[in-house]
Amino acid sequence: MKWLIASDIHGSAYYCKKLIESYKKEKANKLLLLGDILYHGPRNYLPKDYDPKKVIEMLNELSNDILCVRGNCDTEVDQMVLDFPIMADYEVICEGERMIFATHGHKFNKDNLPPLHKGDILLNGHTHISACEQYEDYIYCNPGSVSLPKENTVHSYMTLKDGVLKFKTLNGEEYMKYTL
């Protein structure tokens, strides 16, 4: 199974289209979205080609492929227009012997850890900064932001296949890799 993992589209039709092109090019089986799908949020500038209605159309076409968690900018009204569930605060995915705790990051994060066992993975977006950090008891991963990267990071996503996490630009260029 190959996952494409992304976060923080924030209503950008331009970057959502690039993400979907990457999803198809990667030939991933599932698209895991870590929240902040439609709204740009009061702390962010409008992303390029801000058009939540186009984002709705594009993502709804892939509704059977999408697993999504709720971001701090996602609300019940967003759920009314999206054809896939977005209101869960987290999802749990098993990767071999490890648990991946996938969440947006505004509730559970490095400062407020969910229940994890040694070697489990905390996967979240929210910060708009890609990261992969090994801690004594867990691994922290963040795919960065599709549309609004911060701190000189790139528009990005990550893939997970056979225990290997690859961090890539929206053009598909790998810039970081981590083997579980």
N, C-alpha and C. Protein backbone atom coordinates (compact mmCIF):
# COMPACT_ATOMS: atom_id res chain seq x y z
N MET A 1 0.85 -1.18 0.00
CA MET A 1 0.00 0.00 0.00
C MET A 1 0.88 1.23 0.00
N LYS A 2 0.57 2.16 -0.86
CA LYS A 2 1.31 3.42 -0.92
C LYS A 2 0.38 4.56 -0.55
N TRP A 3 0.82 5.34 0.43
CA TRP A 3 0.08 6.52 0.89
C TRP A 3 0.76 7.78 0.37
N LEU A 4 -0.02 8.76 -0.02
CA LEU A 4 0.48 10.12 -0.22
C LEU A 4 -0.12 10.93 0.92
N ILE A 5 0.72 11.64 1.66
CA ILE A 5 0.30 12.35 2.86
C ILE A 5 0.57 13.84 2.66
N ALA A 6 -0.47 14.65 2.91
CA ALA A 6 -0.34 16.09 2.69
C ALA A 6 -1.17 16.85 3.72
N SER A 7 -0.86 18.12 3.87
CA SER A 7 -1.56 18.95 4.84
C SER A 7 -1.67 20.38 4.34
N ASP A 8 -2.63 21.08 4.89
CA ASP A 8 -2.73 22.53 4.76
C ASP A 8 -2.86 23.02 3.31
N ILE A 9 -3.92 22.58 2.64
CA ILE A 9 -4.24 23.06 1.30
C ILE A 9 -4.79 24.48 1.38
N HIS A 10 -5.55 24.78 2.40
CA HIS A 10 -6.09 26.11 2.68
C HIS A 10 -6.82 26.76 1.50
N GLY A 11 -7.57 25.95 0.75
CA GLY A 11 -8.43 26.50 -0.31
C GLY A 11 -7.73 26.88 -1.59
N SER A 12 -6.48 26.53 -1.76
CA SER A 12 -5.76 26.89 -2.97
C SER A 12 -6.05 25.89 -4.09
N ALA A 13 -6.80 26.32 -5.10
CA ALA A 13 -7.10 25.45 -6.24
C ALA A 13 -5.82 25.13 -7.01
N TYR A 14 -4.92 26.09 -7.11
CA TYR A 14 -3.67 25.89 -7.83
C TYR A 14 -2.86 24.74 -7.20
N TYR A 15 -2.62 24.83 -5.89
CA TYR A 15 -1.80 23.82 -5.23
C TYR A 15 -2.54 22.50 -5.03
N CYS A 16 -3.87 22.55 -4.89
CA CYS A 16 -4.65 21.32 -4.81
C CYS A 16 -4.53 20.54 -6.12
N LYS A 17 -4.59 21.24 -7.24
CA LYS A 17 -4.45 20.59 -8.54
C LYS A 17 -3.07 19.94 -8.66
N LYS A 18 -2.02 20.65 -8.22
CA LYS A 18 -0.66 20.09 -8.27
C LYS A 18 -0.55 18.86 -7.35
N LEU A 19 -1.22 18.92 -6.21
CA LEU A 19 -1.21 17.79 -5.30
C LEU A 19 -1.88 16.57 -5.94
N ILE A 20 -3.01 16.77 -6.56
CA ILE A 20 -3.72 15.67 -7.21
C ILE A 20 -2.90 15.11 -8.37
N GLU A 21 -2.24 15.98 -9.11
CA GLU A 21 -1.34 15.51 -10.18
C GLU A 21 -0.23 14.64 -9.59
N SER A 22 0.32 15.05 -8.45
CA SER A 22 1.36 14.27 -7.78
C SER A 22 0.81 12.94 -7.30
N TYR A 23 -0.40 12.96 -6.76
CA TYR A 23 -1.05 11.73 -6.28
C TYR A 23 -1.17 10.72 -7.42
N LYS A 24 -1.60 11.19 -8.57
CA LYS A 24 -1.76 10.30 -9.72
C LYS A 24 -0.40 9.83 -10.25
N LYS A 25 0.55 10.74 -10.32
CA LYS A 25 1.89 10.40 -10.80
C LYS A 25 2.58 9.39 -9.87
N GLU A 26 2.38 9.55 -8.58
CA GLU A 26 2.96 8.63 -7.58
C GLU A 26 2.29 7.26 -7.61
N LYS A 27 1.11 7.19 -8.21
CA LYS A 27 0.30 5.96 -8.22
C LYS A 27 0.05 5.45 -6.80
N ALA A 28 -0.28 6.39 -5.91
CA ALA A 28 -0.59 6.05 -4.53
C ALA A 28 -1.98 5.41 -4.45
N ASN A 29 -2.17 4.59 -3.42
CA ASN A 29 -3.46 3.94 -3.20
C ASN A 29 -4.42 4.79 -2.40
N LYS A 30 -3.88 5.59 -1.48
CA LYS A 30 -4.69 6.42 -0.60
C LYS A 30 -4.05 7.79 -0.42
N LEU A 31 -4.90 8.78 -0.22
CA LEU A 31 -4.47 10.15 0.04
C LEU A 31 -4.87 10.49 1.47
N LEU A 32 -3.90 10.71 2.34
CA LEU A 32 -4.15 11.09 3.73
C LEU A 32 -3.95 12.60 3.84
N LEU A 33 -5.04 13.30 4.18
CA LEU A 33 -4.99 14.75 4.35
C LEU A 33 -5.04 15.08 5.84
N LEU A 34 -4.09 15.89 6.28
CA LEU A 34 -3.96 16.22 7.70
C LEU A 34 -4.60 17.56 8.05
N GLY A 35 -5.70 17.89 7.39
CA GLY A 35 -6.52 19.04 7.78
C GLY A 35 -6.20 20.35 7.10
N ASP A 36 -7.03 21.34 7.44
CA ASP A 36 -7.01 22.68 6.85
C ASP A 36 -7.15 22.60 5.35
N ILE A 37 -8.32 22.16 4.93
CA ILE A 37 -8.61 21.86 3.54
C ILE A 37 -9.08 23.10 2.75
N LEU A 38 -10.13 23.78 3.24
CA LEU A 38 -10.79 24.80 2.43
C LEU A 38 -10.51 26.24 2.84
N TYR A 39 -10.45 26.53 4.11
CA TYR A 39 -10.35 27.91 4.58
C TYR A 39 -8.89 28.30 4.82
N HIS A 40 -8.54 29.53 4.47
CA HIS A 40 -7.15 29.96 4.62
C HIS A 40 -6.78 30.33 6.06
N GLY A 41 -7.76 30.62 6.88
CA GLY A 41 -7.51 30.96 8.28
C GLY A 41 -7.14 32.41 8.46
N PRO A 42 -7.44 32.98 9.62
CA PRO A 42 -7.21 34.41 9.85
C PRO A 42 -5.74 34.80 9.99
N ARG A 43 -4.86 33.82 10.24
CA ARG A 43 -3.44 34.13 10.42
C ARG A 43 -2.63 33.99 9.15
N ASN A 44 -3.28 33.49 8.08
CA ASN A 44 -2.56 33.25 6.83
C ASN A 44 -3.00 34.23 5.75
N TYR A 45 -2.09 34.52 4.84
CA TYR A 45 -2.45 35.27 3.65
C TYR A 45 -3.24 34.35 2.74
N LEU A 46 -3.99 34.92 1.81
CA LEU A 46 -4.69 34.09 0.83
C LEU A 46 -3.66 33.35 -0.02
N PRO A 47 -3.83 32.03 -0.16
CA PRO A 47 -2.89 31.31 -1.00
C PRO A 47 -3.18 31.56 -2.48
N LYS A 48 -2.25 31.16 -3.32
CA LYS A 48 -2.39 31.33 -4.77
C LYS A 48 -3.67 30.64 -5.26
N ASP A 49 -4.44 31.35 -6.09
CA ASP A 49 -5.67 30.82 -6.68
C ASP A 49 -6.63 30.30 -5.61
N TYR A 50 -6.89 31.14 -4.60
CA TYR A 50 -7.80 30.77 -3.52
C TYR A 50 -9.19 30.58 -4.08
N ASP A 51 -9.67 29.35 -4.08
CA ASP A 51 -10.98 29.02 -4.63
C ASP A 51 -11.48 27.73 -3.99
N PRO A 52 -12.02 27.82 -2.76
CA PRO A 52 -12.47 26.62 -2.06
C PRO A 52 -13.48 25.78 -2.85
N LYS A 53 -14.32 26.40 -3.65
CA LYS A 53 -15.30 25.63 -4.42
C LYS A 53 -14.61 24.71 -5.44
N LYS A 54 -13.53 25.18 -6.06
CA LYS A 54 -12.77 24.32 -6.98
C LYS A 54 -12.08 23.20 -6.21
N VAL A 55 -11.57 23.51 -5.04
CA VAL A 55 -10.93 22.49 -4.21
C VAL A 55 -11.94 21.42 -3.84
N ILE A 56 -13.15 21.83 -3.49
CA ILE A 56 -14.22 20.87 -3.17
C ILE A 56 -14.43 19.92 -4.35
N GLU A 57 -14.58 20.47 -5.54
CA GLU A 57 -14.81 19.65 -6.74
C GLU A 57 -13.67 18.66 -6.96
N MET A 58 -12.45 19.15 -6.90
CA MET A 58 -11.29 18.29 -7.17
C MET A 58 -11.18 17.16 -6.16
N LEU A 59 -11.35 17.48 -4.87
CA LEU A 59 -11.20 16.45 -3.84
C LEU A 59 -12.38 15.49 -3.83
N ASN A 60 -13.58 15.98 -4.08
CA ASN A 60 -14.74 15.09 -4.10
C ASN A 60 -14.63 14.03 -5.19
N GLU A 61 -13.93 14.33 -6.27
CA GLU A 61 -13.71 13.33 -7.32
C GLU A 61 -12.86 12.17 -6.83
N LEU A 62 -12.10 12.40 -5.76
CA LEU A 62 -11.24 11.35 -5.19
C LEU A 62 -11.75 10.86 -3.83
N SER A 63 -13.01 11.12 -3.53
CA SER A 63 -13.53 10.89 -2.18
C SER A 63 -13.29 9.47 -1.66
N ASN A 64 -13.34 8.47 -2.52
CA ASN A 64 -13.13 7.09 -2.07
C ASN A 64 -11.68 6.79 -1.74
N ASP A 65 -10.77 7.65 -2.16
CA ASP A 65 -9.34 7.45 -1.91
C ASP A 65 -8.83 8.24 -0.71
N ILE A 66 -9.66 9.11 -0.15
CA ILE A 66 -9.19 10.07 0.86
C ILE A 66 -9.53 9.65 2.28
N LEU A 67 -8.52 9.74 3.15
CA LEU A 67 -8.68 9.64 4.59
C LEU A 67 -8.24 11.01 5.11
N CYS A 68 -9.05 11.61 5.97
CA CYS A 68 -8.77 13.00 6.37
C CYS A 68 -9.03 13.20 7.86
N VAL A 69 -8.23 14.05 8.48
CA VAL A 69 -8.47 14.49 9.85
C VAL A 69 -8.80 15.98 9.83
N ARG A 70 -9.44 16.43 10.88
CA ARG A 70 -9.89 17.82 10.98
C ARG A 70 -8.74 18.73 11.41
N GLY A 71 -8.61 19.83 10.69
CA GLY A 71 -7.66 20.86 11.08
C GLY A 71 -8.35 21.96 11.86
N ASN A 72 -7.58 22.89 12.39
CA ASN A 72 -8.17 23.98 13.16
C ASN A 72 -8.99 24.94 12.31
N CYS A 73 -8.82 24.91 10.99
CA CYS A 73 -9.62 25.76 10.09
C CYS A 73 -10.79 25.00 9.47
N ASP A 74 -10.97 23.73 9.79
CA ASP A 74 -12.06 22.93 9.22
C ASP A 74 -13.25 22.93 10.17
N THR A 75 -14.46 23.06 9.60
CA THR A 75 -15.67 23.14 10.42
C THR A 75 -16.76 22.22 9.87
N GLU A 76 -17.86 22.16 10.59
CA GLU A 76 -19.00 21.34 10.17
C GLU A 76 -19.55 21.78 8.82
N VAL A 77 -19.50 23.05 8.53
CA VAL A 77 -20.01 23.53 7.23
C VAL A 77 -19.14 22.99 6.09
N ASP A 78 -17.85 22.81 6.34
CA ASP A 78 -16.97 22.20 5.34
C ASP A 78 -17.39 20.76 5.09
N GLN A 79 -17.74 20.06 6.17
CA GLN A 79 -18.16 18.67 6.03
C GLN A 79 -19.43 18.55 5.18
N MET A 80 -20.25 19.56 5.20
CA MET A 80 -21.50 19.54 4.43
C MET A 80 -21.26 19.53 2.92
N VAL A 81 -20.10 19.99 2.47
CA VAL A 81 -19.83 20.07 1.02
C VAL A 81 -18.78 19.06 0.55
N LEU A 82 -18.12 18.40 1.48
CA LEU A 82 -17.11 17.41 1.11
C LEU A 82 -17.71 16.01 1.23
N ASP A 83 -17.40 15.14 0.30
CA ASP A 83 -17.98 13.80 0.23
C ASP A 83 -17.17 12.75 0.98
N PHE A 84 -16.25 13.15 1.81
CA PHE A 84 -15.45 12.24 2.62
C PHE A 84 -15.38 12.83 4.03
N PRO A 85 -15.28 11.98 5.04
CA PRO A 85 -15.27 12.48 6.43
C PRO A 85 -14.03 13.33 6.72
N ILE A 86 -14.26 14.45 7.42
CA ILE A 86 -13.14 15.33 7.78
C ILE A 86 -13.14 15.73 9.26
N MET A 87 -14.10 15.25 10.04
CA MET A 87 -14.28 15.78 11.39
C MET A 87 -13.55 15.00 12.50
N ALA A 88 -12.86 13.93 12.18
CA ALA A 88 -12.13 13.19 13.21
C ALA A 88 -10.88 13.96 13.61
N ASP A 89 -10.59 14.01 14.88
CA ASP A 89 -9.39 14.70 15.36
C ASP A 89 -8.11 13.93 15.07
N TYR A 90 -8.25 12.61 14.85
CA TYR A 90 -7.08 11.80 14.54
C TYR A 90 -7.51 10.51 13.86
N GLU A 91 -6.57 9.87 13.23
CA GLU A 91 -6.72 8.54 12.65
C GLU A 91 -5.50 7.74 13.09
N VAL A 92 -5.70 6.44 13.25
CA VAL A 92 -4.60 5.55 13.62
C VAL A 92 -4.38 4.58 12.46
N ILE A 93 -3.13 4.50 12.03
CA ILE A 93 -2.75 3.62 10.93
C ILE A 93 -1.63 2.71 11.44
N CYS A 94 -1.70 1.45 11.10
CA CYS A 94 -0.64 0.52 11.48
C CYS A 94 0.34 0.37 10.33
N GLU A 95 1.60 0.47 10.64
CA GLU A 95 2.68 0.26 9.66
C GLU A 95 3.63 -0.75 10.29
N GLY A 96 3.43 -2.01 9.94
CA GLY A 96 4.21 -3.06 10.59
C GLY A 96 3.86 -3.11 12.06
N GLU A 97 4.88 -3.05 12.91
CA GLU A 97 4.69 -3.08 14.36
C GLU A 97 4.44 -1.68 14.94
N ARG A 98 4.53 -0.68 14.12
CA ARG A 98 4.39 0.71 14.59
C ARG A 98 2.97 1.24 14.38
N MET A 99 2.59 2.14 15.28
CA MET A 99 1.35 2.87 15.11
C MET A 99 1.68 4.26 14.59
N ILE A 100 0.95 4.70 13.60
CA ILE A 100 1.05 6.08 13.13
C ILE A 100 -0.18 6.82 13.64
N PHE A 101 0.05 7.81 14.47
CA PHE A 101 -1.02 8.63 15.01
C PHE A 101 -1.08 9.88 14.14
N ALA A 102 -2.06 9.92 13.22
CA ALA A 102 -2.18 11.01 12.26
C ALA A 102 -3.19 12.03 12.78
N THR A 103 -2.78 13.27 12.88
CA THR A 103 -3.62 14.34 13.40
C THR A 103 -3.20 15.66 12.75
N HIS A 104 -3.97 16.71 12.96
CA HIS A 104 -3.59 17.98 12.35
C HIS A 104 -2.41 18.62 13.09
N GLY A 105 -2.45 18.61 14.41
CA GLY A 105 -1.35 19.17 15.18
C GLY A 105 -1.74 20.31 16.10
N HIS A 106 -2.98 20.78 16.01
CA HIS A 106 -3.39 21.87 16.89
C HIS A 106 -3.83 21.37 18.26
N LYS A 107 -4.15 20.08 18.38
CA LYS A 107 -4.49 19.49 19.68
C LYS A 107 -3.37 18.57 20.15
N PHE A 108 -3.04 17.57 19.36
CA PHE A 108 -1.95 16.65 19.68
C PHE A 108 -0.73 17.06 18.86
N ASN A 109 0.40 17.18 19.55
CA ASN A 109 1.64 17.63 18.90
C ASN A 109 2.82 17.27 19.81
N LYS A 110 4.00 17.75 19.49
CA LYS A 110 5.19 17.42 20.29
C LYS A 110 5.07 17.93 21.73
N ASP A 111 4.28 18.98 21.95
CA ASP A 111 4.12 19.51 23.30
C ASP A 111 2.94 18.89 24.04
N ASN A 112 2.07 18.19 23.32
CA ASN A 112 0.92 17.51 23.92
C ASN A 112 0.76 16.16 23.21
N LEU A 113 1.58 15.21 23.63
CA LEU A 113 1.63 13.92 22.95
C LEU A 113 0.38 13.09 23.20
N PRO A 114 -0.07 12.37 22.16
CA PRO A 114 -1.11 11.37 22.35
C PRO A 114 -0.48 10.13 22.98
N PRO A 115 -1.28 9.14 23.36
CA PRO A 115 -0.68 7.90 23.87
C PRO A 115 0.12 7.20 22.76
N LEU A 116 1.41 7.04 22.97
CA LEU A 116 2.29 6.40 21.99
C LEU A 116 3.15 5.36 22.70
N HIS A 117 3.50 4.31 21.99
CA HIS A 117 4.48 3.36 22.46
C HIS A 117 5.83 3.70 21.83
N LYS A 118 6.88 3.18 22.42
CA LYS A 118 8.22 3.43 21.90
C LYS A 118 8.28 3.02 20.42
N GLY A 119 8.75 3.94 19.57
CA GLY A 119 8.87 3.68 18.15
C GLY A 119 7.66 4.10 17.32
N ASP A 120 6.56 4.48 17.97
CA ASP A 120 5.39 4.95 17.23
C ASP A 120 5.67 6.29 16.57
N ILE A 121 4.79 6.67 15.66
CA ILE A 121 4.99 7.88 14.88
C ILE A 121 3.87 8.88 15.14
N LEU A 122 4.24 10.09 15.49
CA LEU A 122 3.31 11.20 15.56
C LEU A 122 3.41 11.93 14.23
N LEU A 123 2.32 11.93 13.48
CA LEU A 123 2.28 12.54 12.15
C LEU A 123 1.30 13.69 12.19
N ASN A 124 1.76 14.90 11.95
CA ASN A 124 0.84 16.02 11.90
C ASN A 124 1.31 17.12 10.96
N GLY A 125 0.38 17.98 10.60
CA GLY A 125 0.65 19.16 9.78
C GLY A 125 0.68 20.38 10.68
N HIS A 126 -0.16 21.35 10.38
CA HIS A 126 -0.43 22.55 11.18
C HIS A 126 0.68 23.59 11.19
N THR A 127 1.93 23.20 11.34
CA THR A 127 3.02 24.19 11.45
C THR A 127 3.46 24.72 10.09
N HIS A 128 3.11 24.01 9.01
CA HIS A 128 3.51 24.35 7.65
C HIS A 128 5.02 24.19 7.43
N ILE A 129 5.65 23.39 8.29
CA ILE A 129 7.10 23.18 8.22
C ILE A 129 7.35 21.67 8.18
N SER A 130 7.95 21.20 7.10
CA SER A 130 8.22 19.77 7.00
C SER A 130 9.30 19.39 8.00
N ALA A 131 9.14 18.17 8.57
CA ALA A 131 10.10 17.71 9.57
C ALA A 131 10.03 16.19 9.70
N CYS A 132 11.14 15.62 10.08
CA CYS A 132 11.21 14.21 10.47
C CYS A 132 12.28 14.14 11.55
N GLU A 133 11.84 13.91 12.78
CA GLU A 133 12.75 13.95 13.92
C GLU A 133 12.59 12.70 14.77
N GLN A 134 13.69 12.09 15.12
CA GLN A 134 13.70 10.91 15.98
C GLN A 134 13.87 11.37 17.42
N TYR A 135 12.92 11.01 18.28
CA TYR A 135 13.04 11.28 19.71
C TYR A 135 13.26 9.95 20.42
N GLU A 136 13.54 10.01 21.68
CA GLU A 136 13.84 8.78 22.43
C GLU A 136 12.70 7.76 22.33
N ASP A 137 11.46 8.22 22.44
CA ASP A 137 10.33 7.30 22.49
C ASP A 137 9.45 7.29 21.24
N TYR A 138 9.60 8.23 20.36
CA TYR A 138 8.73 8.30 19.18
C TYR A 138 9.43 9.03 18.05
N ILE A 139 8.78 8.96 16.89
CA ILE A 139 9.26 9.67 15.70
C ILE A 139 8.21 10.73 15.36
N TYR A 140 8.66 11.94 15.08
CA TYR A 140 7.77 13.02 14.70
C TYR A 140 7.95 13.31 13.22
N CYS A 141 6.83 13.32 12.47
CA CYS A 141 6.88 13.64 11.04
C CYS A 141 5.81 14.67 10.69
N ASN A 142 6.17 15.57 9.81
CA ASN A 142 5.27 16.60 9.32
C ASN A 142 5.55 16.78 7.83
N PRO A 143 4.52 16.62 6.97
CA PRO A 143 4.76 16.76 5.53
C PRO A 143 4.93 18.20 5.07
N GLY A 144 4.76 19.17 5.97
CA GLY A 144 4.81 20.58 5.57
C GLY A 144 3.47 21.01 5.02
N SER A 145 3.46 22.04 4.22
CA SER A 145 2.21 22.58 3.68
C SER A 145 2.20 22.50 2.16
N VAL A 146 1.05 22.12 1.64
CA VAL A 146 0.86 22.10 0.20
C VAL A 146 0.89 23.52 -0.35
N SER A 147 0.18 24.46 0.32
CA SER A 147 0.01 25.79 -0.28
C SER A 147 0.71 26.94 0.42
N LEU A 148 0.96 26.83 1.71
CA LEU A 148 1.52 27.95 2.46
C LEU A 148 2.71 27.52 3.34
N PRO A 149 3.80 27.06 2.72
CA PRO A 149 4.95 26.64 3.54
C PRO A 149 5.55 27.83 4.30
N LYS A 150 6.11 27.52 5.46
CA LYS A 150 6.71 28.56 6.30
C LYS A 150 8.18 28.26 6.55
N GLU A 151 8.89 29.27 7.02
CA GLU A 151 10.31 29.18 7.39
C GLU A 151 11.18 28.60 6.26
N ASN A 152 10.99 29.13 5.07
CA ASN A 152 11.79 28.78 3.89
C ASN A 152 11.70 27.30 3.51
N THR A 153 10.61 26.63 3.89
CA THR A 153 10.40 25.27 3.43
C THR A 153 9.66 25.32 2.09
N VAL A 154 9.49 24.17 1.45
CA VAL A 154 8.91 24.11 0.11
C VAL A 154 7.46 23.61 0.16
N HIS A 155 6.72 23.87 -0.92
CA HIS A 155 5.39 23.29 -1.10
C HIS A 155 5.61 21.79 -1.20
N SER A 156 5.00 21.01 -0.29
CA SER A 156 5.44 19.62 -0.18
C SER A 156 4.35 18.65 0.23
N TYR A 157 4.72 17.38 0.12
CA TYR A 157 3.94 16.25 0.59
C TYR A 157 4.93 15.16 0.94
N MET A 158 4.42 14.05 1.44
CA MET A 158 5.27 12.90 1.68
C MET A 158 4.56 11.63 1.24
N THR A 159 5.35 10.59 0.99
CA THR A 159 4.77 9.29 0.67
C THR A 159 5.24 8.29 1.73
N LEU A 160 4.45 7.24 1.89
CA LEU A 160 4.80 6.14 2.77
C LEU A 160 4.52 4.85 2.03
N LYS A 161 5.57 4.07 1.86
CA LYS A 161 5.43 2.76 1.23
C LYS A 161 6.52 1.85 1.77
N ASP A 162 6.11 0.66 2.18
CA ASP A 162 7.05 -0.36 2.67
C ASP A 162 8.00 0.18 3.74
N GLY A 163 7.46 0.97 4.66
CA GLY A 163 8.26 1.47 5.77
C GLY A 163 9.22 2.60 5.44
N VAL A 164 9.07 3.20 4.27
CA VAL A 164 9.94 4.30 3.88
C VAL A 164 9.11 5.57 3.68
N LEU A 165 9.47 6.61 4.40
CA LEU A 165 8.86 7.93 4.24
C LEU A 165 9.73 8.76 3.31
N LYS A 166 9.12 9.30 2.27
CA LYS A 166 9.85 10.19 1.36
C LYS A 166 9.16 11.54 1.35
N PHE A 167 9.93 12.58 1.57
CA PHE A 167 9.44 13.94 1.54
C PHE A 167 9.75 14.51 0.17
N LYS A 168 8.72 15.09 -0.47
CA LYS A 168 8.90 15.56 -1.85
C LYS A 168 8.28 16.93 -2.06
N THR A 169 8.86 17.65 -3.01
CA THR A 169 8.26 18.89 -3.46
C THR A 169 7.03 18.54 -4.29
N LEU A 170 6.18 19.51 -4.56
CA LEU A 170 5.01 19.25 -5.39
C LEU A 170 5.39 18.88 -6.82
N ASN A 171 6.63 19.06 -7.19
CA ASN A 171 7.12 18.62 -8.50
C ASN A 171 7.64 17.19 -8.45
N GLY A 172 7.58 16.55 -7.27
CA GLY A 172 7.99 15.16 -7.13
C GLY A 172 9.47 14.96 -6.81
N GLU A 173 10.18 16.04 -6.53
CA GLU A 173 11.61 15.92 -6.21
C GLU A 173 11.79 15.55 -4.74
N GLU A 174 12.44 14.44 -4.49
CA GLU A 174 12.68 13.99 -3.12
C GLU A 174 13.73 14.87 -2.46
N TYR A 175 13.45 15.33 -1.23
CA TYR A 175 14.45 16.13 -0.53
C TYR A 175 14.78 15.58 0.87
N MET A 176 14.03 14.55 1.31
CA MET A 176 14.35 13.94 2.58
C MET A 176 13.74 12.53 2.58
N LYS A 177 14.40 11.61 3.30
CA LYS A 177 13.94 10.23 3.33
C LYS A 177 14.18 9.67 4.72
N TYR A 178 13.25 8.86 5.21
CA TYR A 178 13.40 8.24 6.51
C TYR A 178 12.89 6.81 6.43
N THR A 179 13.70 5.86 6.83
CA THR A 179 13.29 4.45 6.84
C THR A 179 12.90 4.07 8.26
N LEU A 180 11.69 3.56 8.39
CA LEU A 180 11.18 3.18 9.71
C LEU A 180 11.84 1.91 10.22
